[in-house]
Amino acid sequence: MPYSAPESDTPVAGKAREKRFKVDLWATDFNDVELGIMKRTQHEAASDQFTKDMEVIGQVKEDGERTGLIAYRKGLWNEERGGKRRLVIKLFSESWNWRGSLDMMVGRSLQLAHGADGIPAPAFSINLARHDQLVQLESSAHRLPLVPEKFSFFILTEDGPVFYRLRRDRVSIGADFNLFGPDGKKVGRLDGKVVNLGGAWKVRLAGSHANAKLESVLTLFCAMLRFHGGCRKHVETLQKAMADGRAIHLDHHEDDLYMNPRRAR
C-alpha cells in the first residue's frame, strides 16, 4: 500500500463490521470499583501490576457491558518532582488481569522538545500483554498554531509493521481524533464527549483493523488524553530547566526502558 496517499475524512470503511467500544473516565474517586479499603486490597491481590499507589479512574464498555478497567499511578504523577515525575496508566480486564501499560517517556519527550526548539512533544511507551514489542506513541514535535495535533505509532504483526496516525479535529468541543492507516485512509474514530468531566470517548474501528492490540493502544491513548495537558506542561517545565543548565534525573524504571537488551549483565 502507498504510504504517501492523502488523508481521507470519509466515514470508517466496513461499517457493518465496525468494532465499537467506549472509554469512560470518572470525574471523582467515588465509583463502585474503587470505594473502600477492602476493594483496594482485592485489586492488589488480583494482580501484581496493581501497585499500592494506583487509583482506578475509568472503565471500558462494549455493548453496555464492562470489559476493562483503567488505573494510574497517582503517587508517581502527583507526588514526584522533576524528571522522576511521569505518567503511568494501566489497563486491566474486568477480572483484573493485566492487559497493558502506558509509560510517559520523559527522556524521549525532552529529546523531541529539544529538537523542536522547546515545543513540548510528550512521548509514551506502551507495553501490551502477550506482545513482545514496546509500542512507541509520539506526538508531532513541529506543531504550528491552528494545525491539528497528531500522534503516530506502529504495531508489529506477522506481515510486518502496520503504521497508524491519530489526528485531532481542527474544530471540536471534545478531544476528537481520527485514526488513519498506513495508506492514509481513515480506519477509526475517537469521539470525545464533554458531558463527562472525567472524559469519555466512543471508539469506532474498521473491522479490517480491529484486533486486541490496537484496541488496547487506543484505550490507553484515550486515558492519556485526560492528563495530556499536564504532560505537555511538565515537558515544557523540564525543558526550560535543562536550558538553564539544571541536571535532569530520570526514574530508574524509565532508565531500564532505554537500555540495550543485549548489554552485558
Protein backbone atom coordinates (compact mmCIF):
# COMPACT_ATOMS: atom_id res chain seq x y z
CA MET A 1 0.00 0.00 0.00
CA PRO A 2 1.36 3.51 -0.82
CA TYR A 3 2.36 5.36 2.35
CA SER A 4 2.13 8.72 0.60
CA ALA A 5 -1.62 8.54 -0.01
CA PRO A 6 -3.53 11.67 1.12
CA GLU A 7 -5.51 11.72 4.32
CA SER A 8 -9.20 10.95 3.96
CA ASP A 9 -12.13 12.25 6.02
CA THR A 10 -14.60 9.70 4.65
CA PRO A 11 -16.50 7.51 7.13
CA VAL A 12 -14.83 4.44 8.59
CA ALA A 13 -14.88 1.69 5.98
CA GLY A 14 -16.72 -1.57 6.62
CA LYS A 15 -19.43 -0.05 8.79
CA ALA A 16 -21.29 -3.35 9.30
CA ARG A 17 -18.13 -4.89 10.71
CA GLU A 18 -17.09 -1.96 12.87
CA LYS A 19 -15.75 -2.63 16.34
CA ARG A 20 -17.24 -0.22 18.86
CA PHE A 21 -16.42 0.38 22.49
CA LYS A 22 -16.47 3.24 24.99
CA VAL A 23 -13.73 4.53 27.26
CA ASP A 24 -15.33 6.23 30.26
CA LEU A 25 -13.15 8.09 32.79
CA TRP A 26 -14.73 9.06 36.08
CA ALA A 27 -14.62 12.64 37.36
CA THR A 28 -14.24 11.60 41.02
CA ASP A 29 -12.84 8.76 43.09
CA PHE A 30 -16.33 7.73 44.18
CA ASN A 31 -17.06 4.75 41.95
CA ASP A 32 -18.21 1.21 42.53
CA VAL A 33 -14.76 -0.22 41.81
CA GLU A 34 -12.56 2.00 43.97
CA LEU A 35 -14.67 2.51 47.12
CA GLY A 36 -13.32 1.04 50.31
CA ILE A 37 -10.04 -0.34 51.65
CA MET A 38 -11.27 -3.89 51.07
CA LYS A 39 -11.71 -3.22 47.36
CA ARG A 40 -8.16 -1.89 47.08
CA THR A 41 -6.79 -4.95 48.88
CA GLN A 42 -8.68 -7.19 46.47
CA HIS A 43 -7.20 -5.36 43.48
CA GLU A 44 -3.65 -5.71 44.80
CA ALA A 45 -4.16 -9.41 45.43
CA ALA A 46 -5.69 -9.98 41.99
CA SER A 47 -2.77 -8.51 40.02
CA ASP A 48 0.84 -7.70 40.89
CA GLN A 49 0.55 -4.92 38.29
CA PHE A 50 -1.83 -3.06 40.63
CA THR A 51 0.61 -1.26 42.93
CA LYS A 52 -0.18 0.50 46.20
CA ASP A 53 -0.13 3.99 44.67
CA MET A 54 -2.64 3.13 41.93
CA GLU A 55 -6.07 4.66 41.60
CA VAL A 56 -8.87 3.35 39.40
CA ILE A 57 -10.07 6.15 37.12
CA GLY A 58 -12.26 4.57 34.47
CA GLN A 59 -13.71 1.65 32.60
CA VAL A 60 -14.12 0.21 29.11
CA LYS A 61 -17.60 -0.82 27.99
CA GLU A 62 -18.72 -2.81 24.98
CA ASP A 63 -22.39 -3.40 24.16
CA GLY A 64 -23.24 -1.92 27.56
CA GLU A 65 -21.08 -4.41 29.47
CA ARG A 66 -17.91 -3.53 31.34
CA THR A 67 -14.94 -5.26 29.70
CA GLY A 68 -12.00 -3.40 31.18
CA LEU A 69 -10.76 -1.14 33.98
CA ILE A 70 -8.25 1.70 33.86
CA ALA A 71 -5.95 2.85 36.66
CA TYR A 72 -2.95 5.16 37.00
CA ARG A 73 -0.05 5.51 39.43
CA LYS A 74 -1.29 8.51 41.38
CA GLY A 75 1.77 8.83 43.60
CA LEU A 76 4.21 8.81 40.68
CA TRP A 77 2.29 11.58 38.90
CA ASN A 78 1.12 13.74 41.81
CA GLU A 79 3.96 13.43 44.32
CA GLU A 80 7.23 13.03 42.39
CA ARG A 81 9.14 16.02 41.06
CA GLY A 82 11.48 16.76 38.17
CA GLY A 83 12.41 14.01 35.74
CA LYS A 84 11.18 11.33 38.13
CA ARG A 85 7.61 12.56 37.76
CA ARG A 86 5.89 10.68 34.96
CA LEU A 87 2.56 9.27 33.93
CA VAL A 88 1.88 5.53 34.11
CA ILE A 89 -1.56 4.21 33.13
CA LYS A 90 -2.56 0.54 33.23
CA LEU A 91 -5.37 -1.38 31.58
CA PHE A 92 -6.94 -4.42 33.24
CA SER A 93 -9.70 -6.85 32.37
CA GLU A 94 -12.88 -6.92 34.43
CA SER A 95 -11.29 -9.75 36.48
CA TRP A 96 -8.09 -7.68 36.99
CA ASN A 97 -5.86 -9.48 34.52
CA TRP A 98 -3.26 -7.02 33.22
CA ARG A 99 -3.71 -6.08 29.55
CA GLY A 100 -1.23 -3.28 29.05
CA SER A 101 0.57 -0.21 30.38
CA LEU A 102 1.35 3.26 29.04
CA ASP A 103 4.51 4.92 30.37
CA MET A 104 5.39 8.55 29.75
CA MET A 105 8.99 8.62 28.46
CA VAL A 106 10.37 11.80 29.99
CA GLY A 107 13.80 11.45 28.39
CA ARG A 108 12.43 10.87 24.90
CA SER A 109 9.91 13.71 25.39
CA LEU A 110 12.74 16.09 26.29
CA GLN A 111 14.75 14.92 23.28
CA LEU A 112 11.84 15.72 20.95
CA ALA A 113 11.25 19.10 22.62
CA HIS A 114 14.95 19.94 22.44
CA GLY A 115 14.99 19.12 18.73
CA ALA A 116 11.89 21.25 18.15
CA ASP A 117 13.26 24.40 19.84
CA GLY A 118 11.29 23.89 23.04
CA ILE A 119 7.92 22.81 21.63
CA PRO A 120 6.68 20.14 24.08
CA ALA A 121 6.04 16.78 22.42
CA PRO A 122 5.22 14.09 25.01
CA ALA A 123 6.26 10.55 24.08
CA PHE A 124 4.93 7.31 25.52
CA SER A 125 5.86 3.64 25.51
CA ILE A 126 3.07 1.04 25.56
CA ASN A 127 3.67 -2.48 26.84
CA LEU A 128 0.93 -4.94 25.87
CA ALA A 129 0.21 -8.37 27.33
CA ARG A 130 1.36 -11.23 25.07
CA HIS A 131 3.12 -8.84 22.66
CA ASP A 132 6.92 -8.64 22.52
CA GLN A 133 7.06 -5.14 21.05
CA LEU A 134 7.09 -1.93 23.06
CA VAL A 135 4.77 0.32 21.04
CA GLN A 136 6.15 3.87 20.82
CA LEU A 137 3.40 6.51 20.75
CA GLU A 138 4.67 10.01 19.98
CA SER A 139 3.11 13.38 19.28
CA SER A 140 4.26 15.63 16.46
CA ALA A 141 7.11 17.85 17.64
CA HIS A 142 6.67 20.51 14.97
CA ARG A 143 3.15 21.74 15.57
CA LEU A 144 2.20 25.22 14.37
CA PRO A 145 -0.68 27.35 15.71
CA LEU A 146 -4.08 26.12 14.48
CA VAL A 147 -2.51 22.97 12.99
CA PRO A 148 -4.23 19.82 14.35
CA GLU A 149 -2.21 17.80 16.83
CA LYS A 150 -1.02 14.43 15.54
CA PHE A 151 0.26 11.25 17.15
CA SER A 152 1.84 8.26 15.45
CA PHE A 153 2.74 4.67 16.29
CA PHE A 154 3.12 1.27 14.66
CA ILE A 155 2.32 -2.29 15.68
CA LEU A 156 4.43 -5.25 14.59
CA THR A 157 2.46 -8.10 13.01
CA GLU A 158 3.33 -11.35 11.24
CA ASP A 159 3.06 -9.42 7.96
CA GLY A 160 5.34 -6.61 9.12
CA PRO A 161 4.76 -3.26 10.86
CA VAL A 162 1.40 -1.53 10.48
CA PHE A 163 1.66 2.26 10.82
CA TYR A 164 -1.05 4.48 12.28
CA ARG A 165 -1.60 8.20 12.72
CA LEU A 166 -4.08 9.93 15.04
CA ARG A 167 -5.14 13.44 14.02
CA ARG A 168 -7.18 15.74 16.22
CA ASP A 169 -10.10 17.59 14.64
CA ARG A 170 -9.33 21.20 13.75
CA VAL A 171 -12.55 22.36 15.38
CA SER A 172 -14.16 20.29 18.13
CA ILE A 173 -15.63 20.75 21.58
CA GLY A 174 -14.24 17.47 22.88
CA ALA A 175 -10.91 15.78 22.17
CA ASP A 176 -11.96 14.17 18.88
CA PHE A 177 -9.46 12.21 16.79
CA ASN A 178 -9.49 10.34 13.50
CA LEU A 179 -7.30 7.26 13.07
CA PHE A 180 -5.56 6.75 9.72
CA GLY A 181 -3.90 3.58 8.48
CA PRO A 182 -0.64 3.23 6.50
CA ASP A 183 -2.35 4.16 3.22
CA GLY A 184 -3.72 7.44 4.62
CA LYS A 185 -7.31 6.21 4.73
CA LYS A 186 -9.46 6.69 7.80
CA VAL A 187 -9.87 3.44 9.74
CA GLY A 188 -11.14 4.68 13.09
CA ARG A 189 -12.75 7.48 15.06
CA LEU A 190 -12.35 8.60 18.68
CA ASP A 191 -15.35 10.75 19.53
CA GLY A 192 -14.72 12.72 22.72
CA LYS A 193 -17.64 13.65 24.95
CA VAL A 194 -17.64 16.80 27.08
CA VAL A 195 -20.69 15.87 29.15
CA ASN A 196 -18.46 13.76 31.37
CA LEU A 197 -15.98 15.90 33.34
CA GLY A 198 -13.70 12.89 33.70
CA GLY A 199 -13.60 12.29 29.95
CA ALA A 200 -15.38 9.82 27.69
CA TRP A 201 -14.67 8.56 24.18
CA LYS A 202 -16.75 6.47 21.83
CA VAL A 203 -14.31 4.50 19.70
CA ARG A 204 -15.18 3.09 16.26
CA LEU A 205 -12.71 0.89 14.44
CA ALA A 206 -12.96 -0.61 10.95
CA GLY A 207 -13.35 -4.37 11.08
CA SER A 208 -10.28 -4.86 8.89
CA HIS A 209 -8.14 -3.24 11.62
CA ALA A 210 -9.97 -4.44 14.73
CA ASN A 211 -7.73 -6.51 16.99
CA ALA A 212 -7.00 -6.66 20.70
CA LYS A 213 -3.59 -4.96 20.42
CA LEU A 214 -4.82 -1.90 18.55
CA GLU A 215 -7.89 -1.66 20.78
CA SER A 216 -5.67 -1.66 23.89
CA VAL A 217 -3.41 1.04 22.39
CA LEU A 218 -6.41 3.25 21.62
CA THR A 219 -7.90 2.67 25.08
CA LEU A 220 -4.66 3.71 26.77
CA PHE A 221 -4.40 6.69 24.41
CA CYS A 222 -7.88 7.88 25.42
CA ALA A 223 -6.97 7.55 29.10
CA MET A 224 -3.75 9.51 28.49
CA LEU A 225 -5.73 12.40 26.99
CA ARG A 226 -7.10 13.19 30.44
CA PHE A 227 -3.53 14.05 31.51
CA HIS A 228 -2.16 15.30 28.20
CA GLY A 229 -2.23 18.99 29.10
CA GLY A 230 -0.31 18.24 32.28
CA CYS A 231 2.19 16.12 30.35
CA ARG A 232 2.87 18.96 27.92
CA LYS A 233 3.33 21.43 30.77
CA HIS A 234 5.66 19.02 32.56
CA VAL A 235 7.85 18.61 29.47
CA GLU A 236 7.90 22.38 28.94
CA THR A 237 8.99 22.97 32.55
CA LEU A 238 11.76 20.36 32.36
CA GLN A 239 12.96 21.66 29.01
CA LYS A 240 13.32 25.16 30.45
CA ALA A 241 15.18 23.75 33.46
CA MET A 242 17.50 21.87 31.12
CA ALA A 243 18.10 25.04 29.09
CA ASP A 244 19.04 26.81 32.34
CA GLY A 245 21.74 24.20 32.96
CA ARG A 246 19.98 22.16 35.61
CA ALA A 247 20.52 18.39 35.59
CA ILE A 248 17.54 16.15 34.84
CA HIS A 249 17.38 12.81 36.65
CA LEU A 250 15.03 10.13 35.30
CA ASP A 251 13.15 7.45 37.19
CA HIS A 252 15.19 4.24 37.22
CA HIS A 253 12.29 2.27 35.74
CA GLU A 254 12.36 4.59 32.75
CA ASP A 255 16.14 4.20 32.53
CA ASP A 256 15.60 0.46 32.09
CA LEU A 257 13.36 1.05 29.07
CA TYR A 258 16.26 2.74 27.25
CA MET A 259 18.83 0.02 27.96
CA ASN A 260 20.28 -2.23 25.27
CA PRO A 261 18.69 -5.69 25.77
CA ARG A 262 21.94 -7.29 24.53
CA ARG A 263 24.14 -5.48 27.02
CA ALA A 264 26.37 -7.49 29.37
CA ARG A 265 24.74 -8.07 32.73
